[in-house]
C-alpha atoms as a PDB file:
ATOM      1  CA  UNK A   1     -23.135  49.044  51.513  1.00  0.00           C
ATOM      2  CA  UNK A   2     -20.993  48.338  48.473  1.00  0.00           C
ATOM      3  CA  UNK A   3     -21.380  45.032  46.690  1.00  0.00           C
ATOM      4  CA  UNK A   4     -18.165  43.567  45.356  1.00  0.00           C
ATOM      5  CA  UNK A   5     -18.340  42.658  41.657  1.00  0.00           C
ATOM      6  CA  UNK A   6     -18.426  38.947  40.912  1.00  0.00           C
ATOM      7  CA  UNK A   7     -15.446  37.905  38.754  1.00  0.00           C
ATOM      8  CA  UNK A   8     -16.242  36.493  35.310  1.00  0.00           C
ATOM      9  CA  UNK A   9     -19.950  37.409  35.557  1.00  0.00           C
ATOM     10  CA  UNK A  10     -20.166  38.097  31.820  1.00  0.00           C
ATOM     11  CA  UNK A  11     -18.313  34.884  30.985  1.00  0.00           C
ATOM     12  CA  UNK A  12     -20.620  32.811  33.165  1.00  0.00           C
ATOM     13  CA  UNK A  13     -23.688  34.360  31.560  1.00  0.00           C
ATOM     14  CA  UNK A  14     -22.376  33.556  28.105  1.00  0.00           C
ATOM     15  CA  UNK A  15     -21.644  29.949  29.052  1.00  0.00           C
ATOM     16  CA  UNK A  16     -25.170  29.642  30.427  1.00  0.00           C
ATOM     17  CA  UNK A  17     -26.561  31.095  27.200  1.00  0.00           C
ATOM     18  CA  UNK A  18     -24.637  28.573  25.107  1.00  0.00           C
ATOM     19  CA  UNK A  19     -25.838  25.710  27.298  1.00  0.00           C
ATOM     20  CA  UNK A  20     -29.417  26.909  27.016  1.00  0.00           C
ATOM     21  CA  UNK A  21     -29.260  27.120  23.234  1.00  0.00           C
ATOM     22  CA  UNK A  22     -28.110  23.521  22.672  1.00  0.00           C
ATOM     23  CA  UNK A  23     -31.203  21.325  22.608  1.00  0.00           C
ATOM     24  CA  UNK A  24     -29.757  18.038  21.396  1.00  0.00           C
ATOM     25  CA  UNK A  25     -26.874  16.660  19.367  1.00  0.00           C
ATOM     26  CA  UNK A  26     -27.543  14.503  16.334  1.00  0.00           C
ATOM     27  CA  UNK A  27     -26.581  10.871  16.714  1.00  0.00           C
ATOM     28  CA  UNK A  28     -24.558  10.566  13.532  1.00  0.00           C
ATOM     29  CA  UNK A  29     -22.723   7.289  14.219  1.00  0.00           C
ATOM     30  CA  UNK A  30     -23.821   3.756  14.981  1.00  0.00           C
ATOM     31  CA  UNK A  31     -22.014   1.281  17.181  1.00  0.00           C
ATOM     32  CA  UNK A  32     -21.231  -1.657  14.904  1.00  0.00           C
ATOM     33  CA  UNK A  33     -21.315  -4.213  17.726  1.00  0.00           C
ATOM     34  CA  UNK A  34     -24.401  -3.226  19.741  1.00  0.00           C
ATOM     35  CA  UNK A  35     -26.275  -1.356  16.997  1.00  0.00           C
ATOM     36  CA  UNK A  36     -27.202   1.764  18.969  1.00  0.00           C
ATOM     37  CA  UNK A  37     -26.661   5.295  17.679  1.00  0.00           C
ATOM     38  CA  UNK A  38     -24.467   7.870  19.413  1.00  0.00           C
ATOM     39  CA  UNK A  39     -23.173  11.413  18.957  1.00  0.00           C
ATOM     40  CA  UNK A  40     -19.625  11.480  17.631  1.00  0.00           C
ATOM     41  CA  UNK A  41     -17.015  13.980  18.847  1.00  0.00           C
ATOM     42  CA  UNK A  42     -17.358  15.817  15.519  1.00  0.00           C
ATOM     43  CA  UNK A  43     -21.125  16.295  15.955  1.00  0.00           C
ATOM     44  CA  UNK A  44     -20.694  17.550  19.528  1.00  0.00           C
ATOM     45  CA  UNK A  45     -18.069  20.081  18.434  1.00  0.00           C
ATOM     46  CA  UNK A  46     -20.174  21.162  15.456  1.00  0.00           C
ATOM     47  CA  UNK A  47     -23.108  21.887  17.746  1.00  0.00           C
ATOM     48  CA  UNK A  48     -20.999  23.981  20.104  1.00  0.00           C
ATOM     49  CA  UNK A  49     -18.763  26.015  17.764  1.00  0.00           C
ATOM     50  CA  UNK A  50     -21.385  28.339  16.178  1.00  0.00           C
ATOM     51  CA  UNK A  51     -22.745  29.241  19.607  1.00  0.00           C
ATOM     52  CA  UNK A  52     -19.276  29.973  20.939  1.00  0.00           C
ATOM     53  CA  UNK A  53     -18.687  32.258  17.968  1.00  0.00           C
ATOM     54  CA  UNK A  54     -21.990  34.049  18.495  1.00  0.00           C
ATOM     55  CA  UNK A  55     -20.985  34.870  22.078  1.00  0.00           C
ATOM     56  CA  UNK A  56     -17.335  35.670  21.247  1.00  0.00           C
ATOM     57  CA  UNK A  57     -16.059  32.711  23.248  1.00  0.00           C
ATOM     58  CA  UNK A  58     -13.190  30.344  22.554  1.00  0.00           C
ATOM     59  CA  UNK A  59     -12.040  27.121  24.176  1.00  0.00           C
ATOM     60  CA  UNK A  60      -8.334  26.434  23.862  1.00  0.00           C
ATOM     61  CA  UNK A  61      -6.996  23.050  25.021  1.00  0.00           C
ATOM     62  CA  UNK A  62      -3.620  22.707  26.702  1.00  0.00           C
ATOM     63  CA  UNK A  63      -2.027  19.299  27.267  1.00  0.00           C
ATOM     64  CA  UNK A  64      -0.667  19.068  30.808  1.00  0.00           C
ATOM     65  CA  UNK A  65       0.342  15.418  30.992  1.00  0.00           C
ATOM     66  CA  UNK A  66       0.216  12.240  28.915  1.00  0.00           C
ATOM     67  CA  UNK A  67       0.589   8.708  30.266  1.00  0.00           C
ATOM     68  CA  UNK A  68       0.848   5.393  28.458  1.00  0.00           C
ATOM     69  CA  UNK A  69       0.035   2.460  30.725  1.00  0.00           C
ATOM     70  CA  UNK A  70       0.683  -1.087  29.620  1.00  0.00           C
ATOM     71  CA  UNK A  71      -2.412  -3.082  30.560  1.00  0.00           C
ATOM     72  CA  UNK A  72      -0.484  -6.325  30.389  1.00  0.00           C
ATOM     73  CA  UNK A  73      -2.653  -7.593  27.532  1.00  0.00           C
ATOM     74  CA  UNK A  74      -1.251  -8.514  24.109  1.00  0.00           C
ATOM     75  CA  UNK A  75      -2.715  -8.887  20.659  1.00  0.00           C
ATOM     76  CA  UNK A  76      -2.103 -12.060  18.683  1.00  0.00           C
ATOM     77  CA  UNK A  77       0.841 -10.314  17.047  1.00  0.00           C
ATOM     78  CA  UNK A  78       2.299  -9.536  20.462  1.00  0.00           C
ATOM     79  CA  UNK A  79       1.467  -5.819  20.267  1.00  0.00           C
ATOM     80  CA  UNK A  80       0.681  -4.468  23.770  1.00  0.00           C
ATOM     81  CA  UNK A  81      -2.690  -2.987  24.638  1.00  0.00           C
ATOM     82  CA  UNK A  82      -2.038   0.485  26.057  1.00  0.00           C
ATOM     83  CA  UNK A  83      -4.214   2.752  28.193  1.00  0.00           C
ATOM     84  CA  UNK A  84      -3.573   6.314  27.028  1.00  0.00           C
ATOM     85  CA  UNK A  85      -4.474   8.947  29.609  1.00  0.00           C
ATOM     86  CA  UNK A  86      -4.318  12.727  29.240  1.00  0.00           C
ATOM     87  CA  UNK A  87      -4.597  15.551  31.748  1.00  0.00           C
ATOM     88  CA  UNK A  88      -5.850  18.729  30.096  1.00  0.00           C
ATOM     89  CA  UNK A  89      -6.446  22.368  30.973  1.00  0.00           C
ATOM     90  CA  UNK A  90      -9.234  23.931  28.921  1.00  0.00           C
ATOM     91  CA  UNK A  91      -8.936  27.725  28.725  1.00  0.00           C
ATOM     92  CA  UNK A  92     -12.347  29.329  28.189  1.00  0.00           C
ATOM     93  CA  UNK A  93     -11.776  32.838  26.833  1.00  0.00           C
ATOM     94  CA  UNK A  94     -14.182  35.775  26.490  1.00  0.00           C
ATOM     95  CA  UNK A  95     -13.097  37.803  23.467  1.00  0.00           C
ATOM     96  CA  UNK A  96     -15.121  40.857  24.534  1.00  0.00           C
ATOM     97  CA  UNK A  97     -14.100  41.249  28.166  1.00  0.00           C
ATOM     98  CA  UNK A  98     -10.784  39.417  28.234  1.00  0.00           C
ATOM     99  CA  UNK A  99     -12.011  37.149  31.039  1.00  0.00           C
ATOM    100  CA  UNK A 100     -10.574  33.656  31.141  1.00  0.00           C
ATOM    101  CA  UNK A 101     -11.500  30.502  33.000  1.00  0.00           C
ATOM    102  CA  UNK A 102      -9.261  27.430  33.274  1.00  0.00           C
ATOM    103  CA  UNK A 103     -10.878  24.032  33.814  1.00  0.00           C
ATOM    104  CA  UNK A 104      -8.778  20.893  34.479  1.00  0.00           C
ATOM    105  CA  UNK A 105      -9.994  17.704  32.829  1.00  0.00           C
ATOM    106  CA  UNK A 106      -8.937  14.124  32.114  1.00  0.00           C
ATOM    107  CA  UNK A 107      -9.647  11.593  29.408  1.00  0.00           C
ATOM    108  CA  UNK A 108      -8.361   8.246  28.286  1.00  0.00           C
ATOM    109  CA  UNK A 109      -8.554   5.763  25.427  1.00  0.00           C
ATOM    110  CA  UNK A 110      -7.387   2.200  25.017  1.00  0.00           C
ATOM    111  CA  UNK A 111      -5.421   1.269  21.907  1.00  0.00           C
ATOM    112  CA  UNK A 112      -2.964  -1.315  20.776  1.00  0.00           C
ATOM    113  CA  UNK A 113       0.408   0.418  20.740  1.00  0.00           C
ATOM    114  CA  UNK A 114       0.494   2.912  17.877  1.00  0.00           C
ATOM    115  CA  UNK A 115       0.892   6.638  17.318  1.00  0.00           C
ATOM    116  CA  UNK A 116      -2.831   7.474  17.697  1.00  0.00           C
ATOM    117  CA  UNK A 117      -3.215   6.938  21.421  1.00  0.00           C
ATOM    118  CA  UNK A 118      -2.555  10.572  22.382  1.00  0.00           C
ATOM    119  CA  UNK A 119      -4.933  11.993  19.773  1.00  0.00           C
ATOM    120  CA  UNK A 120      -7.706   9.544  20.681  1.00  0.00           C
ATOM    121  CA  UNK A 121      -7.420  10.336  24.386  1.00  0.00           C
ATOM    122  CA  UNK A 122      -7.508  14.094  23.651  1.00  0.00           C
ATOM    123  CA  UNK A 123     -10.555  13.676  21.430  1.00  0.00           C
ATOM    124  CA  UNK A 124     -12.444  11.739  24.104  1.00  0.00           C
ATOM    125  CA  UNK A 125     -11.443  14.269  26.775  1.00  0.00           C
ATOM    126  CA  UNK A 126     -12.704  17.190  24.671  1.00  0.00           C
ATOM    127  CA  UNK A 127     -15.979  15.456  23.799  1.00  0.00           C
ATOM    128  CA  UNK A 128     -16.800  14.609  27.425  1.00  0.00           C
ATOM    129  CA  UNK A 129     -15.699  18.076  28.579  1.00  0.00           C
ATOM    130  CA  UNK A 130     -18.091  19.809  26.169  1.00  0.00           C
ATOM    131  CA  UNK A 131     -20.961  17.466  27.053  1.00  0.00           C
ATOM    132  CA  UNK A 132     -20.490  18.080  30.775  1.00  0.00           C
ATOM    133  CA  UNK A 133     -19.776  21.819  30.527  1.00  0.00           C
ATOM    134  CA  UNK A 134     -22.865  22.569  28.442  1.00  0.00           C
ATOM    135  CA  UNK A 135     -25.011  19.692  29.785  1.00  0.00           C
ATOM    136  CA  UNK A 136     -25.639  18.436  26.277  1.00  0.00           C
ATOM    137  CA  UNK A 137     -28.292  15.687  26.074  1.00  0.00           C
ATOM    138  CA  UNK A 138     -26.944  12.791  24.060  1.00  0.00           C
ATOM    139  CA  UNK A 139     -27.860   9.553  25.844  1.00  0.00           C
ATOM    140  CA  UNK A 140     -30.424  10.200  28.579  1.00  0.00           C
ATOM    141  CA  UNK A 141     -33.821   8.887  27.329  1.00  0.00           C
ATOM    142  CA  UNK A 142     -35.663  11.423  29.491  1.00  0.00           C
ATOM    143  CA  UNK A 143     -33.937  14.408  27.868  1.00  0.00           C
ATOM    144  CA  UNK A 144     -33.116  13.135  24.406  1.00  0.00           C
ATOM    145  CA  UNK A 145     -35.865  13.320  21.731  1.00  0.00           C
ATOM    146  CA  UNK A 146     -33.972  10.757  19.655  1.00  0.00           C
ATOM    147  CA  UNK A 147     -33.666   8.255  22.484  1.00  0.00           C
ATOM    148  CA  UNK A 148     -36.153   5.793  20.991  1.00  0.00           C
ATOM    149  CA  UNK A 149     -33.920   5.504  17.928  1.00  0.00           C
ATOM    150  CA  UNK A 150     -30.884   4.853  20.083  1.00  0.00           C
ATOM    151  CA  UNK A 151     -32.065   1.611  21.617  1.00  0.00           C
ATOM    152  CA  UNK A 152     -29.929  -1.403  20.855  1.00  0.00           C
ATOM    153  CA  UNK A 153     -31.500  -4.215  18.835  1.00  0.00           C
ATOM    154  CA  UNK A 154     -33.146  -7.168  20.505  1.00  0.00           C
ATOM    155  CA  UNK A 155     -29.940  -9.156  20.554  1.00  0.00           C
ATOM    156  CA  UNK A 156     -28.015  -9.037  23.804  1.00  0.00           C
ATOM    157  CA  UNK A 157     -25.031  -6.652  23.997  1.00  0.00           C
ATOM    158  CA  UNK A 158     -21.850  -8.439  23.230  1.00  0.00           C
ATOM    159  CA  UNK A 159     -19.496  -9.093  26.089  1.00  0.00           C
ATOM    160  CA  UNK A 160     -15.916 -10.207  25.917  1.00  0.00           C
ATOM    161  CA  UNK A 161     -15.949 -13.981  25.750  1.00  0.00           C
ATOM    162  CA  UNK A 162     -14.367 -15.409  28.890  1.00  0.00           C
ATOM    163  CA  UNK A 163     -11.778 -18.118  28.315  1.00  0.00           C
ATOM    164  CA  UNK A 164     -13.378 -21.553  28.089  1.00  0.00           C
ATOM    165  CA  UNK A 165     -13.567 -23.292  31.434  1.00  0.00           C
ATOM    166  CA  UNK A 166     -11.042 -26.046  31.684  1.00  0.00           C
ATOM    167  CA  UNK A 167     -11.948 -29.616  32.498  1.00  0.00           C
ATOM    168  CA  UNK A 168     -10.488 -31.063  35.706  1.00  0.00           C
ATOM    169  CA  UNK A 169      -7.830 -32.761  33.632  1.00  0.00           C
ATOM    170  CA  UNK A 170      -6.673 -29.492  32.061  1.00  0.00           C
ATOM    171  CA  UNK A 171      -3.574 -27.706  33.250  1.00  0.00           C
ATOM    172  CA  UNK A 172      -5.159 -24.240  33.744  1.00  0.00           C
ATOM    173  CA  UNK A 173      -6.742 -23.833  37.213  1.00  0.00           C
ATOM    174  CA  UNK A 174     -10.143 -22.053  37.551  1.00  0.00           C
ATOM    175  CA  UNK A 175      -8.538 -19.116  39.393  1.00  0.00           C
ATOM    176  CA  UNK A 176      -6.375 -18.293  36.370  1.00  0.00           C
ATOM    177  CA  UNK A 177      -9.502 -18.512  34.228  1.00  0.00           C
ATOM    178  CA  UNK A 178     -11.233 -15.866  36.343  1.00  0.00           C
ATOM    179  CA  UNK A 179      -8.180 -13.605  36.363  1.00  0.00           C
ATOM    180  CA  UNK A 180      -8.077 -13.673  32.567  1.00  0.00           C
ATOM    181  CA  UNK A 181     -11.800 -12.830  32.439  1.00  0.00           C
ATOM    182  CA  UNK A 182     -11.275  -9.778  34.675  1.00  0.00           C
ATOM    183  CA  UNK A 183      -8.337  -8.558  32.601  1.00  0.00           C
ATOM    184  CA  UNK A 184     -10.314  -9.034  29.391  1.00  0.00           C
ATOM    185  CA  UNK A 185     -13.186  -6.967  30.792  1.00  0.00           C
ATOM    186  CA  UNK A 186     -10.768  -4.208  31.840  1.00  0.00           C
ATOM    187  CA  UNK A 187      -9.184  -4.186  28.412  1.00  0.00           C
ATOM    188  CA  UNK A 188     -12.504  -3.963  26.581  1.00  0.00           C
ATOM    189  CA  UNK A 189     -13.766  -1.283  28.982  1.00  0.00           C
ATOM    190  CA  UNK A 190     -10.659   0.848  28.411  1.00  0.00           C
ATOM    191  CA  UNK A 191     -11.058   0.413  24.650  1.00  0.00           C
ATOM    192  CA  UNK A 192     -14.494   2.029  24.959  1.00  0.00           C
ATOM    193  CA  UNK A 193     -13.000   5.022  26.777  1.00  0.00           C
ATOM    194  CA  UNK A 194     -14.020   4.192  30.346  1.00  0.00           C
ATOM    195  CA  UNK A 195     -11.244   4.911  32.830  1.00  0.00           C
ATOM    196  CA  UNK A 196      -9.988   1.998  34.922  1.00  0.00           C
ATOM    197  CA  UNK A 197      -8.608   3.178  38.297  1.00  0.00           C
ATOM    198  CA  UNK A 198      -4.793   2.845  38.259  1.00  0.00           C
ATOM    199  CA  UNK A 199      -4.845   0.980  41.574  1.00  0.00           C
ATOM    200  CA  UNK A 200      -6.754  -1.838  39.881  1.00  0.00           C
ATOM    201  CA  UNK A 201      -4.302  -2.098  36.992  1.00  0.00           C
ATOM    202  CA  UNK A 202      -1.403  -2.599  39.385  1.00  0.00           C
ATOM    203  CA  UNK A 203      -3.108  -5.316  41.441  1.00  0.00           C
ATOM    204  CA  UNK A 204      -1.437  -8.708  41.592  1.00  0.00           C
ATOM    205  CA  UNK A 205      -4.591 -10.700  40.909  1.00  0.00           C
ATOM    206  CA  UNK A 206      -2.864 -13.999  41.526  1.00  0.00           C
ATOM    207  CA  UNK A 207      -2.556 -13.147  45.233  1.00  0.00           C
ATOM    208  CA  UNK A 208      -6.297 -12.488  45.720  1.00  0.00           C
ATOM    209  CA  UNK A 209      -8.745 -14.999  47.144  1.00  0.00           C
ATOM    210  CA  UNK A 210     -11.993 -16.179  45.514  1.00  0.00           C
ATOM    211  CA  UNK A 211     -14.199 -13.638  47.287  1.00  0.00           C
ATOM    212  CA  UNK A 212     -11.965 -10.753  46.219  1.00  0.00           C
ATOM    213  CA  UNK A 213     -11.834 -11.997  42.628  1.00  0.00           C
ATOM    214  CA  UNK A 214     -15.624 -12.420  42.507  1.00  0.00           C
ATOM    215  CA  UNK A 215     -16.046  -8.818  43.661  1.00  0.00           C
ATOM    216  CA  UNK A 216     -13.579  -7.558  41.036  1.00  0.00           C
ATOM    217  CA  UNK A 217     -15.286  -9.527  38.267  1.00  0.00           C
ATOM    218  CA  UNK A 218     -18.725  -8.159  39.179  1.00  0.00           C
ATOM    219  CA  UNK A 219     -17.351  -4.622  39.244  1.00  0.00           C
ATOM    220  CA  UNK A 220     -15.520  -5.133  35.935  1.00  0.00           C
ATOM    221  CA  UNK A 221     -18.719  -6.324  34.249  1.00  0.00           C
ATOM    222  CA  UNK A 222     -20.602  -3.273  35.525  1.00  0.00           C
ATOM    223  CA  UNK A 223     -17.896  -0.950  34.173  1.00  0.00           C
ATOM    224  CA  UNK A 224     -17.954  -2.693  30.826  1.00  0.00           C
ATOM    225  CA  UNK A 225     -21.747  -2.452  30.494  1.00  0.00           C
ATOM    226  CA  UNK A 226     -21.624   1.254  31.383  1.00  0.00           C
ATOM    227  CA  UNK A 227     -18.806   1.895  28.922  1.00  0.00           C
ATOM    228  CA  UNK A 228     -20.800   0.239  26.135  1.00  0.00           C
ATOM    229  CA  UNK A 229     -23.592   2.765  26.593  1.00  0.00           C
ATOM    230  CA  UNK A 230     -21.657   6.021  27.027  1.00  0.00           C
ATOM    231  CA  UNK A 231     -18.194   5.844  25.455  1.00  0.00           C
ATOM    232  CA  UNK A 232     -18.196   4.119  22.095  1.00  0.00           C
ATOM    233  CA  UNK A 233     -16.979   7.157  20.163  1.00  0.00           C
ATOM    234  CA  UNK A 234     -13.315   6.296  20.498  1.00  0.00           C
ATOM    235  CA  UNK A 235     -13.695   3.139  18.440  1.00  0.00           C
ATOM    236  CA  UNK A 236     -15.072   4.676  15.275  1.00  0.00           C
ATOM    237  CA  UNK A 237     -14.960   8.478  15.202  1.00  0.00           C
ATOM    238  CA  UNK A 238     -12.481  10.171  12.842  1.00  0.00           C
ATOM    239  CA  UNK A 239      -9.723  11.517  15.040  1.00  0.00           C
ATOM    240  CA  UNK A 240      -8.843  15.176  14.835  1.00  0.00           C
ATOM    241  CA  UNK A 241      -6.087  16.273  17.195  1.00  0.00           C
ATOM    242  CA  UNK A 242      -7.599  19.017  19.386  1.00  0.00           C
ATOM    243  CA  UNK A 243      -4.119  20.391  20.037  1.00  0.00           C
ATOM    244  CA  UNK A 244      -3.801  21.219  16.321  1.00  0.00           C
ATOM    245  CA  UNK A 245      -7.370  22.367  15.781  1.00  0.00           C
ATOM    246  CA  UNK A 246      -8.788  23.894  18.994  1.00  0.00           C
ATOM    247  CA  UNK A 247     -12.471  24.594  19.352  1.00  0.00           C
ATOM    248  CA  UNK A 248     -12.255  28.318  18.824  1.00  0.00           C
ATOM    249  CA  UNK A 249     -14.825  30.922  18.005  1.00  0.00           C
ATOM    250  CA  UNK A 250     -14.386  33.473  15.270  1.00  0.00           C
ATOM    251  CA  UNK A 251     -15.858  36.837  15.793  1.00  0.00           C
END
C-alpha cells in the first residue's frame, strides 16, 4: 500500500519548531491608563524573525482589502472617529523547499481621521497573526512567567465616563443618555483594537427598547474590558507599515 505524501510537511514541521522555540515575549511597553505591561508589535516581531531566518522561512503580507467605517463619533474639533479594518493574506514561504502557505487574516484599529489608520490596522493584524500562529504567551498568567509584573495597579481600570444623567427638568431623555454611553464604549473599544461587529455599528439605536439597550450596554462593557487587557498596542506602539517592511527571513 502506497502512502500519499502530505503536502507542506516540511513547512509544517518548521512552523512547529519556531513555535516551540518561542518561550515568551518581553513586555516592553506599559499602558499609560491602566498601568499594566504588554508586548508591543515590535517585540513580537523581534522574537519571531531570528527563528524564521534559522529555518529559512519568510512571512510576506499582502493587503486584500481596506475599509474605513465612520463610527458616527466626533472629536471636539469635529474630526470623525474612524474604524479602520484590513483583510490580509499572509504568505508563509519555505526558502528550502519552495512550499508556500496562504493564511487569510483580519485586523482593525480605531483612529480619528488621519493617514495612519491603514498602517495601524496592518500592524495590529500582523501582531495578532504572529501571536496566534506561533501560540506566543504574552498575557495568559498561567503561561507567562512575567504575568505577576503585568497586573494593573490597585486603582480600578478606567472606563469611558458616561454622559451625566440629566435631571427630570433637563431636555435630554434617559434613553439618549444610554445610547451615547453605548456609542462611547464602542468607540473606546475600537480604539484599543477590538473589532466591533459591523451589524452593531449600523444599528439605529433610537428605535430599540429599554431591554434591548440594556443588553447592548452590558455587551459593550464586556468588550471594552476585554479590549483593555489584550489590545492596547495600537495606542502607543511605533507604527511600521508591514507592507513596506515584511517580516522576512534572511538565509
